[in-house]
Amino acid sequence: MLKAKILFVGPSESGKSVLANFLSESTEGISSYVPTQGVRILEYEKPNMNGNSKGAGCRFELWDCGGDQKFETCWPALMKDSHGVVIVFNPELPSHLKEIEMWYSCFVQQQQLLDSQCLLIAHHKPGSAGDTENLSLASPLNKLKLIHSSLEEDPEDVRMEFVKYFKSIINMLNESRDREEMSIIT
């Protein structure tokens, strides 16, 4: 079984824990906002997601990283051996639009991850207006896959977008493993 490490990063109060809980079907801390201190690791297993015949599925470690920059000294340890980064932000907060550039720079560019290994999520909180059309992102961010999530209105659409993203990570891992095996053989 393949194992993939996916980081959920972004500003405080953006919805990282809510999305990680939703995907892993965890009910932990679902009632009220409690800032994540450092990191929480949730496991999410998807059987039959591996398109390759070499495995039965994939186990994802969802690393729900605290959004407070006081944890910045821990970030290099969190980033080690990660396969993907999900950047979550609240599109209704102008400060979040500025902050996500820093998260992208630190967690994607500094790790030299491909843009395809990054997913950008504009998470709309329950009862928000949810303007999904007029979101202007800075230059490096506007080429990333962006999805709008509203667990109140379209939870299954959100889940399907994550499945697509997870499949792309699995395909990348399979290709990397195949290249490694071929280099050993030749």
N, C-alpha and C. Protein backbone atom coordinates (compact mmCIF):
# COMPACT_ATOMS: atom_id res chain seq x y z
N MET A 1 0.85 -1.19 0.00
CA MET A 1 0.00 0.00 0.00
C MET A 1 0.88 1.23 0.00
N LEU A 2 0.59 2.16 -0.90
CA LEU A 2 1.32 3.43 -0.93
C LEU A 2 0.95 4.30 0.27
N LYS A 3 1.89 5.13 0.66
CA LYS A 3 1.61 6.07 1.75
C LYS A 3 2.01 7.45 1.28
N ALA A 4 1.13 8.42 1.45
CA ALA A 4 1.39 9.79 1.02
C ALA A 4 1.16 10.75 2.18
N LYS A 5 2.05 11.71 2.28
CA LYS A 5 1.96 12.74 3.33
C LYS A 5 1.52 14.04 2.68
N ILE A 6 0.36 14.54 3.11
CA ILE A 6 -0.21 15.77 2.57
C ILE A 6 -0.32 16.79 3.71
N LEU A 7 0.25 17.98 3.49
CA LEU A 7 0.19 19.05 4.49
C LEU A 7 -1.01 19.96 4.22
N PHE A 8 -1.75 20.29 5.25
CA PHE A 8 -2.83 21.28 5.18
C PHE A 8 -2.29 22.52 5.88
N VAL A 9 -2.03 23.57 5.12
CA VAL A 9 -1.44 24.79 5.68
C VAL A 9 -2.28 25.99 5.29
N GLY A 10 -2.02 27.10 5.96
CA GLY A 10 -2.72 28.34 5.67
C GLY A 10 -2.91 29.16 6.92
N PRO A 11 -3.47 30.35 6.76
CA PRO A 11 -3.68 31.24 7.90
C PRO A 11 -4.60 30.63 8.96
N SER A 12 -4.50 31.16 10.17
CA SER A 12 -5.39 30.74 11.26
C SER A 12 -6.84 31.01 10.88
N GLU A 13 -7.71 30.17 11.34
CA GLU A 13 -9.16 30.29 11.15
C GLU A 13 -9.58 30.25 9.67
N SER A 14 -8.86 29.46 8.87
CA SER A 14 -9.23 29.36 7.46
C SER A 14 -10.08 28.13 7.17
N GLY A 15 -10.06 27.14 8.06
CA GLY A 15 -10.87 25.94 7.85
C GLY A 15 -10.07 24.68 7.58
N LYS A 16 -8.76 24.70 7.85
CA LYS A 16 -7.90 23.54 7.61
C LYS A 16 -8.38 22.32 8.39
N SER A 17 -8.63 22.50 9.68
CA SER A 17 -9.05 21.37 10.52
C SER A 17 -10.41 20.84 10.11
N VAL A 18 -11.32 21.75 9.76
CA VAL A 18 -12.66 21.34 9.32
C VAL A 18 -12.55 20.45 8.08
N LEU A 19 -11.73 20.88 7.11
CA LEU A 19 -11.57 20.09 5.88
C LEU A 19 -10.86 18.76 6.14
N ALA A 20 -9.81 18.78 6.96
CA ALA A 20 -9.10 17.54 7.29
C ALA A 20 -10.03 16.56 8.01
N ASN A 21 -10.82 17.08 8.96
CA ASN A 21 -11.79 16.23 9.66
C ASN A 21 -12.82 15.66 8.70
N PHE A 22 -13.31 16.49 7.80
CA PHE A 22 -14.31 16.08 6.82
C PHE A 22 -13.77 14.94 5.96
N LEU A 23 -12.57 15.10 5.45
CA LEU A 23 -11.99 14.08 4.57
C LEU A 23 -11.70 12.78 5.28
N SER A 24 -11.19 12.87 6.50
CA SER A 24 -10.83 11.67 7.25
C SER A 24 -12.02 11.10 8.02
N GLU A 25 -13.17 11.76 7.89
CA GLU A 25 -14.40 11.36 8.57
C GLU A 25 -14.23 11.33 10.08
N SER A 26 -13.43 12.29 10.57
CA SER A 26 -13.20 12.43 11.99
C SER A 26 -14.21 13.42 12.56
N THR A 27 -14.65 13.18 13.76
CA THR A 27 -15.57 14.11 14.43
C THR A 27 -14.86 14.90 15.52
N GLU A 28 -13.54 14.76 15.60
CA GLU A 28 -12.75 15.42 16.62
C GLU A 28 -12.90 16.94 16.53
N GLY A 29 -13.24 17.57 17.64
CA GLY A 29 -13.30 19.03 17.73
C GLY A 29 -14.23 19.68 16.73
N ILE A 30 -15.34 19.03 16.42
CA ILE A 30 -16.22 19.53 15.37
C ILE A 30 -17.13 20.66 15.84
N SER A 31 -17.28 20.82 17.14
CA SER A 31 -18.27 21.76 17.65
C SER A 31 -17.86 23.23 17.62
N SER A 32 -16.65 23.55 18.07
CA SER A 32 -16.27 24.96 18.13
C SER A 32 -14.81 25.13 17.70
N TYR A 33 -14.44 26.38 17.42
CA TYR A 33 -13.09 26.65 16.94
C TYR A 33 -12.08 26.52 18.06
N VAL A 34 -11.08 25.68 17.83
CA VAL A 34 -9.94 25.54 18.72
C VAL A 34 -8.70 25.55 17.82
N PRO A 35 -7.84 26.57 17.93
CA PRO A 35 -6.66 26.63 17.06
C PRO A 35 -5.77 25.41 17.21
N THR A 36 -5.30 24.87 16.10
CA THR A 36 -4.39 23.74 16.13
C THR A 36 -3.05 24.21 16.67
N GLN A 37 -2.55 23.50 17.66
CA GLN A 37 -1.26 23.82 18.27
C GLN A 37 -0.19 22.96 17.61
N GLY A 38 0.57 23.54 16.70
CA GLY A 38 1.61 22.79 16.01
C GLY A 38 1.03 22.01 14.84
N VAL A 39 0.70 20.74 15.09
CA VAL A 39 0.18 19.88 14.01
C VAL A 39 -0.68 18.77 14.59
N ARG A 40 -1.67 18.36 13.81
CA ARG A 40 -2.46 17.16 14.09
C ARG A 40 -2.30 16.27 12.88
N ILE A 41 -2.14 14.99 13.10
CA ILE A 41 -1.99 14.06 11.97
C ILE A 41 -3.20 13.14 11.96
N LEU A 42 -3.93 13.17 10.84
CA LEU A 42 -5.09 12.31 10.67
C LEU A 42 -4.78 11.32 9.55
N GLU A 43 -5.28 10.11 9.68
CA GLU A 43 -5.06 9.13 8.63
C GLU A 43 -6.34 8.96 7.82
N TYR A 44 -6.13 8.80 6.54
CA TYR A 44 -7.23 8.67 5.60
C TYR A 44 -6.82 7.56 4.64
N GLU A 45 -7.61 6.52 4.59
CA GLU A 45 -7.26 5.39 3.73
C GLU A 45 -8.28 5.28 2.61
N LYS A 46 -7.77 5.12 1.39
CA LYS A 46 -8.63 4.97 0.22
C LYS A 46 -8.27 3.67 -0.48
N PRO A 47 -9.08 2.64 -0.32
CA PRO A 47 -8.83 1.41 -1.07
C PRO A 47 -9.19 1.63 -2.54
N ASN A 48 -8.54 0.91 -3.41
CA ASN A 48 -8.82 0.95 -4.86
C ASN A 48 -8.61 2.31 -5.48
N MET A 49 -7.86 3.18 -4.85
CA MET A 49 -7.59 4.47 -5.48
C MET A 49 -6.35 4.37 -6.34
N ASN A 50 -5.49 3.41 -6.02
CA ASN A 50 -4.24 3.25 -6.74
C ASN A 50 -4.54 2.67 -8.11
N GLY A 51 -4.39 3.45 -9.16
CA GLY A 51 -4.67 3.00 -10.52
C GLY A 51 -3.70 1.95 -11.01
N ASN A 52 -2.63 1.75 -10.28
CA ASN A 52 -1.60 0.80 -10.66
C ASN A 52 -1.92 -0.55 -10.03
N SER A 53 -1.55 -1.63 -10.66
CA SER A 53 -1.84 -2.96 -10.13
C SER A 53 -0.91 -3.34 -8.99
N LYS A 54 0.02 -2.46 -8.63
CA LYS A 54 1.02 -2.79 -7.62
C LYS A 54 0.53 -2.60 -6.19
N GLY A 55 -0.66 -2.13 -5.98
CA GLY A 55 -1.10 -1.92 -4.62
C GLY A 55 -2.61 -1.89 -4.53
N ALA A 56 -3.10 -2.14 -3.34
CA ALA A 56 -4.55 -2.20 -3.14
C ALA A 56 -5.16 -0.83 -2.89
N GLY A 57 -4.35 0.13 -2.55
CA GLY A 57 -4.91 1.44 -2.25
C GLY A 57 -3.83 2.35 -1.74
N CYS A 58 -4.24 3.34 -1.00
CA CYS A 58 -3.28 4.32 -0.49
C CYS A 58 -3.71 4.80 0.89
N ARG A 59 -2.72 5.01 1.72
CA ARG A 59 -2.95 5.60 3.04
C ARG A 59 -2.38 7.01 3.00
N PHE A 60 -3.22 7.96 3.33
CA PHE A 60 -2.80 9.36 3.36
C PHE A 60 -2.65 9.79 4.81
N GLU A 61 -1.56 10.47 5.08
CA GLU A 61 -1.41 11.16 6.35
C GLU A 61 -1.74 12.62 6.07
N LEU A 62 -2.80 13.12 6.68
CA LEU A 62 -3.20 14.51 6.52
C LEU A 62 -2.62 15.29 7.70
N TRP A 63 -1.63 16.10 7.44
CA TRP A 63 -0.96 16.87 8.48
C TRP A 63 -1.62 18.25 8.56
N ASP A 64 -2.49 18.41 9.54
CA ASP A 64 -3.24 19.65 9.77
C ASP A 64 -2.34 20.57 10.58
N CYS A 65 -1.70 21.52 9.91
CA CYS A 65 -0.69 22.38 10.53
C CYS A 65 -1.32 23.66 11.09
N GLY A 66 -0.94 24.01 12.29
CA GLY A 66 -1.44 25.24 12.91
C GLY A 66 -1.07 26.45 12.08
N GLY A 67 -1.98 27.40 11.96
CA GLY A 67 -1.77 28.57 11.11
C GLY A 67 -1.04 29.72 11.77
N ASP A 68 -0.72 29.59 13.04
CA ASP A 68 -0.04 30.68 13.75
C ASP A 68 1.45 30.64 13.40
N GLN A 69 2.00 31.78 13.02
CA GLN A 69 3.41 31.82 12.62
C GLN A 69 4.36 31.61 13.78
N LYS A 70 3.86 31.51 14.99
CA LYS A 70 4.74 31.22 16.13
C LYS A 70 5.28 29.78 16.02
N PHE A 71 4.67 28.95 15.13
CA PHE A 71 5.14 27.58 14.94
C PHE A 71 6.14 27.46 13.79
N GLU A 72 6.56 28.61 13.26
CA GLU A 72 7.43 28.62 12.07
C GLU A 72 8.71 27.81 12.27
N THR A 73 9.23 27.76 13.49
CA THR A 73 10.46 26.99 13.72
C THR A 73 10.24 25.48 13.52
N CYS A 74 9.00 25.05 13.60
CA CYS A 74 8.68 23.62 13.40
C CYS A 74 8.44 23.27 11.93
N TRP A 75 8.25 24.26 11.08
CA TRP A 75 7.85 24.00 9.69
C TRP A 75 8.82 23.11 8.93
N PRO A 76 10.14 23.29 9.05
CA PRO A 76 11.02 22.38 8.30
C PRO A 76 10.79 20.91 8.65
N ALA A 77 10.53 20.62 9.91
CA ALA A 77 10.26 19.23 10.32
C ALA A 77 8.93 18.74 9.73
N LEU A 78 7.94 19.61 9.68
CA LEU A 78 6.64 19.23 9.12
C LEU A 78 6.76 18.95 7.62
N MET A 79 7.58 19.75 6.93
CA MET A 79 7.70 19.64 5.47
C MET A 79 8.46 18.39 5.03
N LYS A 80 9.29 17.85 5.91
CA LYS A 80 10.15 16.72 5.53
C LYS A 80 9.33 15.57 4.95
N ASP A 81 9.72 15.13 3.77
CA ASP A 81 9.11 13.97 3.08
C ASP A 81 7.64 14.16 2.74
N SER A 82 7.19 15.39 2.59
CA SER A 82 5.78 15.58 2.20
C SER A 82 5.65 15.42 0.69
N HIS A 83 4.48 14.95 0.27
CA HIS A 83 4.21 14.69 -1.14
C HIS A 83 3.27 15.73 -1.75
N GLY A 84 2.60 16.48 -0.91
CA GLY A 84 1.65 17.47 -1.41
C GLY A 84 1.32 18.49 -0.35
N VAL A 85 0.82 19.64 -0.82
CA VAL A 85 0.46 20.73 0.09
C VAL A 85 -0.91 21.27 -0.33
N VAL A 86 -1.81 21.35 0.64
CA VAL A 86 -3.12 21.96 0.45
C VAL A 86 -3.10 23.27 1.22
N ILE A 87 -3.24 24.38 0.49
CA ILE A 87 -3.26 25.70 1.12
C ILE A 87 -4.71 26.15 1.22
N VAL A 88 -5.16 26.34 2.47
CA VAL A 88 -6.56 26.70 2.74
C VAL A 88 -6.60 28.14 3.22
N PHE A 89 -7.56 28.90 2.70
CA PHE A 89 -7.73 30.28 3.13
C PHE A 89 -9.20 30.66 3.07
N ASN A 90 -9.54 31.72 3.81
CA ASN A 90 -10.88 32.27 3.79
C ASN A 90 -10.88 33.42 2.79
N PRO A 91 -11.56 33.27 1.64
CA PRO A 91 -11.49 34.30 0.60
C PRO A 91 -12.15 35.62 0.99
N GLU A 92 -12.90 35.63 2.08
CA GLU A 92 -13.57 36.85 2.51
C GLU A 92 -12.69 37.73 3.40
N LEU A 93 -11.49 37.22 3.74
CA LEU A 93 -10.57 37.99 4.57
C LEU A 93 -9.40 38.46 3.72
N PRO A 94 -9.30 39.77 3.45
CA PRO A 94 -8.21 40.29 2.62
C PRO A 94 -6.82 39.90 3.13
N SER A 95 -6.67 39.81 4.45
CA SER A 95 -5.36 39.44 5.01
C SER A 95 -4.96 38.03 4.57
N HIS A 96 -5.94 37.14 4.42
CA HIS A 96 -5.64 35.77 3.99
C HIS A 96 -5.09 35.74 2.57
N LEU A 97 -5.63 36.60 1.70
CA LEU A 97 -5.15 36.65 0.31
C LEU A 97 -3.67 37.05 0.26
N LYS A 98 -3.25 37.91 1.18
CA LYS A 98 -1.84 38.30 1.24
C LYS A 98 -1.00 37.18 1.86
N GLU A 99 -1.52 36.56 2.90
CA GLU A 99 -0.77 35.53 3.62
C GLU A 99 -0.51 34.27 2.80
N ILE A 100 -1.43 33.90 1.92
CA ILE A 100 -1.24 32.63 1.22
C ILE A 100 -0.02 32.65 0.31
N GLU A 101 0.43 33.82 -0.11
CA GLU A 101 1.67 33.90 -0.89
C GLU A 101 2.85 33.40 -0.05
N MET A 102 2.88 33.78 1.22
CA MET A 102 3.95 33.33 2.12
C MET A 102 3.88 31.81 2.30
N TRP A 103 2.67 31.27 2.46
CA TRP A 103 2.51 29.82 2.66
C TRP A 103 2.99 29.07 1.42
N TYR A 104 2.65 29.59 0.25
CA TYR A 104 3.07 28.98 -1.01
C TYR A 104 4.60 29.00 -1.12
N SER A 105 5.19 30.15 -0.85
CA SER A 105 6.63 30.30 -0.95
C SER A 105 7.34 29.33 -0.01
N CYS A 106 6.89 29.27 1.21
CA CYS A 106 7.54 28.46 2.24
C CYS A 106 7.32 26.96 2.03
N PHE A 107 6.08 26.56 1.79
CA PHE A 107 5.76 25.13 1.77
C PHE A 107 5.83 24.48 0.40
N VAL A 108 5.73 25.25 -0.67
CA VAL A 108 5.77 24.66 -2.02
C VAL A 108 7.09 25.00 -2.70
N GLN A 109 7.39 26.29 -2.84
CA GLN A 109 8.59 26.68 -3.55
C GLN A 109 9.88 26.27 -2.84
N GLN A 110 9.96 26.47 -1.53
CA GLN A 110 11.18 26.12 -0.82
C GLN A 110 11.42 24.61 -0.81
N GLN A 111 10.36 23.82 -0.88
CA GLN A 111 10.51 22.36 -0.95
C GLN A 111 10.75 21.88 -2.37
N GLN A 112 10.65 22.81 -3.32
CA GLN A 112 10.77 22.52 -4.74
C GLN A 112 9.73 21.49 -5.20
N LEU A 113 8.51 21.65 -4.68
CA LEU A 113 7.40 20.82 -5.14
C LEU A 113 6.87 21.41 -6.45
N LEU A 114 6.27 20.56 -7.24
CA LEU A 114 5.63 21.01 -8.47
C LEU A 114 4.30 21.68 -8.12
N ASP A 115 3.86 22.60 -8.97
CA ASP A 115 2.55 23.23 -8.74
C ASP A 115 1.43 22.19 -8.73
N SER A 116 1.62 21.09 -9.47
CA SER A 116 0.59 20.04 -9.48
C SER A 116 0.49 19.30 -8.14
N GLN A 117 1.48 19.49 -7.28
CA GLN A 117 1.46 18.87 -5.95
C GLN A 117 0.78 19.79 -4.93
N CYS A 118 0.30 20.93 -5.41
CA CYS A 118 -0.33 21.91 -4.53
C CYS A 118 -1.79 22.11 -4.92
N LEU A 119 -2.65 22.21 -3.94
CA LEU A 119 -4.07 22.50 -4.15
C LEU A 119 -4.42 23.71 -3.31
N LEU A 120 -5.05 24.68 -3.93
CA LEU A 120 -5.45 25.92 -3.25
C LEU A 120 -6.95 25.86 -3.00
N ILE A 121 -7.35 26.07 -1.75
CA ILE A 121 -8.77 25.97 -1.41
C ILE A 121 -9.27 27.26 -0.78
N ALA A 122 -10.24 27.87 -1.44
CA ALA A 122 -10.95 29.02 -0.89
C ALA A 122 -12.12 28.44 -0.10
N HIS A 123 -11.96 28.38 1.21
CA HIS A 123 -12.96 27.73 2.05
C HIS A 123 -13.97 28.75 2.57
N HIS A 124 -15.22 28.53 2.21
CA HIS A 124 -16.30 29.43 2.62
C HIS A 124 -16.96 28.87 3.87
N LYS A 125 -16.96 29.67 4.90
CA LYS A 125 -17.56 29.24 6.17
C LYS A 125 -19.08 29.25 6.08
N PRO A 126 -19.75 28.45 6.90
CA PRO A 126 -21.22 28.42 6.87
C PRO A 126 -21.82 29.82 7.02
N GLY A 127 -22.78 30.13 6.17
CA GLY A 127 -23.47 31.40 6.22
C GLY A 127 -22.77 32.54 5.50
N SER A 128 -21.63 32.25 4.87
CA SER A 128 -20.90 33.32 4.17
C SER A 128 -21.51 33.54 2.79
N ALA A 129 -21.22 34.70 2.22
CA ALA A 129 -21.78 35.06 0.91
C ALA A 129 -21.23 34.16 -0.19
N GLY A 130 -19.94 33.85 -0.12
CA GLY A 130 -19.35 32.91 -1.07
C GLY A 130 -19.22 33.40 -2.50
N ASP A 131 -18.63 34.58 -2.70
CA ASP A 131 -18.37 35.07 -4.05
C ASP A 131 -17.24 34.24 -4.64
N THR A 132 -17.55 33.38 -5.60
CA THR A 132 -16.55 32.48 -6.15
C THR A 132 -15.99 32.97 -7.47
N GLU A 133 -16.50 34.04 -8.02
CA GLU A 133 -16.08 34.47 -9.35
C GLU A 133 -14.96 35.49 -9.34
N ASN A 134 -14.99 36.45 -8.45
CA ASN A 134 -14.08 37.60 -8.52
C ASN A 134 -12.94 37.51 -7.51
N LEU A 135 -12.17 36.45 -7.57
CA LEU A 135 -11.06 36.26 -6.65
C LEU A 135 -9.77 36.49 -7.42
N SER A 136 -9.05 37.57 -7.09
CA SER A 136 -7.80 37.84 -7.81
C SER A 136 -6.62 37.39 -6.95
N LEU A 137 -5.83 36.49 -7.52
CA LEU A 137 -4.68 35.94 -6.81
C LEU A 137 -3.39 36.51 -7.38
N ALA A 138 -2.36 36.55 -6.56
CA ALA A 138 -1.05 37.02 -7.00
C ALA A 138 -0.48 36.07 -8.04
N SER A 139 0.50 36.55 -8.76
CA SER A 139 1.06 35.84 -9.91
C SER A 139 1.43 34.37 -9.67
N PRO A 140 2.21 34.00 -8.67
CA PRO A 140 2.55 32.57 -8.59
C PRO A 140 1.35 31.69 -8.22
N LEU A 141 0.36 32.28 -7.58
CA LEU A 141 -0.79 31.51 -7.12
C LEU A 141 -1.84 31.29 -8.20
N ASN A 142 -1.90 32.19 -9.18
CA ASN A 142 -2.98 32.10 -10.17
C ASN A 142 -2.82 30.93 -11.14
N LYS A 143 -1.69 30.21 -11.08
CA LYS A 143 -1.54 29.03 -11.94
C LYS A 143 -1.80 27.73 -11.18
N LEU A 144 -2.15 27.83 -9.91
CA LEU A 144 -2.46 26.65 -9.11
C LEU A 144 -3.91 26.23 -9.31
N LYS A 145 -4.19 24.97 -9.08
CA LYS A 145 -5.57 24.47 -9.09
C LYS A 145 -6.27 25.09 -7.89
N LEU A 146 -7.36 25.80 -8.14
CA LEU A 146 -8.13 26.47 -7.08
C LEU A 146 -9.52 25.87 -7.04
N ILE A 147 -9.93 25.45 -5.85
CA ILE A 147 -11.32 25.02 -5.69
C ILE A 147 -11.95 25.83 -4.57
N HIS A 148 -13.24 26.03 -4.70
CA HIS A 148 -14.01 26.70 -3.66
C HIS A 148 -14.73 25.61 -2.88
N SER A 149 -14.62 25.67 -1.56
CA SER A 149 -15.29 24.65 -0.76
C SER A 149 -16.33 25.29 0.14
N SER A 150 -17.48 24.65 0.15
CA SER A 150 -18.53 25.02 1.08
C SER A 150 -19.14 23.70 1.53
N LEU A 151 -18.78 23.27 2.71
CA LEU A 151 -19.27 21.98 3.19
C LEU A 151 -20.76 22.03 3.50
N GLU A 152 -21.28 23.25 3.62
CA GLU A 152 -22.70 23.43 3.88
C GLU A 152 -23.50 23.19 2.59
N GLU A 153 -22.98 23.66 1.46
CA GLU A 153 -23.73 23.59 0.20
C GLU A 153 -23.37 22.42 -0.69
N ASP A 154 -22.08 22.10 -0.82
CA ASP A 154 -21.68 21.06 -1.78
C ASP A 154 -20.58 20.15 -1.25
N PRO A 155 -20.84 19.43 -0.15
CA PRO A 155 -19.79 18.59 0.44
C PRO A 155 -19.27 17.50 -0.51
N GLU A 156 -20.13 16.91 -1.30
CA GLU A 156 -19.67 15.84 -2.18
C GLU A 156 -18.81 16.37 -3.33
N ASP A 157 -19.09 17.59 -3.79
CA ASP A 157 -18.23 18.22 -4.80
C ASP A 157 -16.83 18.44 -4.23
N VAL A 158 -16.77 18.88 -2.99
CA VAL A 158 -15.49 19.10 -2.33
C VAL A 158 -14.74 17.77 -2.21
N ARG A 159 -15.42 16.73 -1.77
CA ARG A 159 -14.80 15.41 -1.63
C ARG A 159 -14.26 14.92 -2.98
N MET A 160 -15.03 15.10 -4.05
CA MET A 160 -14.60 14.65 -5.38
C MET A 160 -13.35 15.42 -5.85
N GLU A 161 -13.27 16.70 -5.56
CA GLU A 161 -12.08 17.47 -5.93
C GLU A 161 -10.85 16.96 -5.18
N PHE A 162 -11.03 16.62 -3.90
CA PHE A 162 -9.92 16.06 -3.14
C PHE A 162 -9.51 14.70 -3.70
N VAL A 163 -10.47 13.87 -4.09
CA VAL A 163 -10.14 12.57 -4.67
C VAL A 163 -9.31 12.75 -5.94
N LYS A 164 -9.69 13.71 -6.78
CA LYS A 164 -8.90 13.99 -8.00
C LYS A 164 -7.47 14.40 -7.63
N TYR A 165 -7.35 15.27 -6.64
CA TYR A 165 -6.03 15.72 -6.20
C TYR A 165 -5.22 14.55 -5.65
N PHE A 166 -5.84 13.73 -4.80
CA PHE A 166 -5.15 12.59 -4.22
C PHE A 166 -4.71 11.61 -5.31
N LYS A 167 -5.55 11.42 -6.33
CA LYS A 167 -5.17 10.53 -7.44
C LYS A 167 -3.96 11.06 -8.18
N SER A 168 -3.88 12.38 -8.35
CA SER A 168 -2.71 12.95 -9.03
C SER A 168 -1.44 12.73 -8.20
N ILE A 169 -1.55 12.80 -6.88
CA ILE A 169 -0.40 12.54 -6.00
C ILE A 169 0.00 11.07 -6.12
N ILE A 170 -0.97 10.16 -6.13
CA ILE A 170 -0.68 8.74 -6.26
C ILE A 170 0.00 8.45 -7.59
N ASN A 171 -0.51 9.04 -8.67
CA ASN A 171 0.11 8.84 -9.98
C ASN A 171 1.56 9.31 -9.97
N MET A 172 1.82 10.45 -9.35
CA MET A 172 3.18 10.96 -9.25
C MET A 172 4.06 9.99 -8.46
N LEU A 173 3.54 9.45 -7.34
CA LEU A 173 4.31 8.50 -6.53
C LEU A 173 4.59 7.22 -7.31
N ASN A 174 3.58 6.73 -8.05
CA ASN A 174 3.77 5.53 -8.86
C ASN A 174 4.84 5.74 -9.93
N GLU A 175 4.78 6.89 -10.61
CA GLU A 175 5.76 7.19 -11.66
C GLU A 175 7.16 7.28 -11.06
N SER A 176 7.28 7.90 -9.91
CA SER A 176 8.57 8.03 -9.24
C SER A 176 9.10 6.65 -8.85
N ARG A 177 8.24 5.81 -8.30
CA ARG A 177 8.64 4.45 -7.92
C ARG A 177 9.05 3.64 -9.16
N ASP A 178 8.29 3.77 -10.25
CA ASP A 178 8.62 3.05 -11.48
C ASP A 178 9.98 3.50 -12.02
N ARG A 179 10.26 4.81 -12.00
CA ARG A 179 11.55 5.31 -12.46
C ARG A 179 12.69 4.75 -11.60
N GLU A 180 12.44 4.72 -10.29
CA GLU A 180 13.45 4.20 -9.36
C GLU A 180 13.72 2.72 -9.63
N GLU A 181 12.66 1.94 -9.84
CA GLU A 181 12.82 0.52 -10.14
C GLU A 181 13.58 0.32 -11.47
N MET A 182 13.27 1.13 -12.47
CA MET A 182 13.96 1.01 -13.76
C MET A 182 15.44 1.38 -13.63
N SER A 183 15.75 2.35 -12.80
CA SER A 183 17.16 2.73 -12.62
C SER A 183 17.94 1.62 -11.92
N ILE A 184 17.28 0.87 -11.08
CA ILE A 184 17.94 -0.26 -10.40
C ILE A 184 18.18 -1.39 -11.40
N ILE A 185 17.21 -1.63 -12.26
CA ILE A 185 17.30 -2.70 -13.25
C ILE A 185 18.37 -2.42 -14.29
N THR A 186 18.45 -1.15 -14.73
CA THR A 186 19.39 -0.84 -15.82
C THR A 186 20.74 -0.39 -15.36
